[in-house]
């Protein structure tokens, strides 16, 4: 199963993104950031939705001046 990991520059940005995403039709959860993806911020957002619209998420978060990076990861 593939998941998308959204990483940010700070915990503050993760919490702001959580608030923004909660108003959108996407299922997500706050998780510890996998070390193989980033060591900057210890928290990230994981999205399991296979209908994930990456462009919509990025453009929405960037409107709120959030610098988001998205990584795709396979879970076994």
Protein backbone atom coordinates (compact mmCIF):
# COMPACT_ATOMS: atom_id res chain seq x y z
CA UNK A 1 0.00 0.00 0.00
CA UNK A 2 1.33 3.44 -0.93
CA UNK A 3 1.06 6.40 1.39
CA UNK A 4 2.04 10.02 0.98
CA UNK A 5 4.15 11.73 3.64
CA UNK A 6 3.90 15.52 3.86
CA UNK A 7 6.89 17.08 5.60
CA UNK A 8 7.30 20.64 6.80
CA UNK A 9 9.95 22.91 8.28
CA UNK A 10 8.50 22.96 11.80
CA UNK A 11 5.93 21.44 14.13
CA UNK A 12 4.06 24.76 13.97
CA UNK A 13 3.62 24.30 10.21
CA UNK A 14 2.42 20.71 10.68
CA UNK A 15 -0.25 21.88 13.11
CA UNK A 16 -1.30 24.70 10.79
CA UNK A 17 -1.55 22.23 7.89
CA UNK A 18 -3.61 19.89 10.07
CA UNK A 19 -6.13 22.66 10.67
CA UNK A 20 -6.31 23.49 6.94
CA UNK A 21 -6.59 19.84 5.82
CA UNK A 22 -9.33 19.10 8.34
CA UNK A 23 -11.64 21.29 6.23
CA UNK A 24 -10.84 19.32 3.08
CA UNK A 25 -12.17 15.94 1.87
CA UNK A 26 -8.97 14.04 2.61
CA UNK A 27 -8.17 11.48 5.31
CA UNK A 28 -4.87 12.03 7.08
CA UNK A 29 -3.06 11.53 10.35
CA UNK A 30 -0.15 13.13 12.18
CA UNK A 31 2.77 10.71 12.42
CA UNK A 32 6.45 10.80 13.36
CA UNK A 33 8.52 11.71 10.32
CA UNK A 34 10.34 8.65 8.96
CA UNK A 35 14.09 9.22 9.27
CA UNK A 36 14.69 8.05 5.72
CA UNK A 37 12.56 10.97 4.47
CA UNK A 38 13.70 13.88 6.65
CA UNK A 39 15.41 14.74 9.90
CA UNK A 40 14.29 18.38 10.03
CA UNK A 41 10.93 18.17 11.78
CA UNK A 42 9.87 15.22 13.91
CA UNK A 43 6.22 15.35 12.86
CA UNK A 44 4.62 14.92 9.46
CA UNK A 45 1.25 14.18 7.90
CA UNK A 46 0.47 10.82 6.33
CA UNK A 47 -2.26 10.51 3.71
CA UNK A 48 -3.48 7.03 2.77
CA UNK A 49 -6.08 8.21 0.27
CA UNK A 50 -5.55 6.60 -3.14
CA UNK A 51 -7.52 9.49 -4.70
CA UNK A 52 -4.98 11.94 -3.28
CA UNK A 53 -4.83 15.12 -5.38
CA UNK A 54 -1.25 16.25 -4.87
CA UNK A 55 -1.65 19.47 -6.86
CA UNK A 56 -4.69 20.56 -4.86
CA UNK A 57 -2.97 19.87 -1.53
CA UNK A 58 0.21 21.73 -2.50
CA UNK A 59 -1.60 24.77 -3.89
CA UNK A 60 -3.91 24.98 -0.87
CA UNK A 61 -1.08 24.76 1.67
CA UNK A 62 1.11 27.20 -0.26
CA UNK A 63 -1.72 29.78 -0.13
CA UNK A 64 -1.12 29.76 3.63
CA UNK A 65 2.67 30.16 3.16
CA UNK A 66 3.43 26.57 4.15
CA UNK A 67 6.47 24.98 2.56
CA UNK A 68 5.41 21.37 2.03
CA UNK A 69 7.34 18.46 0.56
CA UNK A 70 5.54 15.27 -0.45
CA UNK A 71 7.16 11.85 -0.50
CA UNK A 72 5.58 8.60 -1.60
CA UNK A 73 6.30 5.56 0.54
CA UNK A 74 5.30 1.93 0.25
CA UNK A 75 4.12 0.15 3.36
CA UNK A 76 4.37 -3.59 3.58
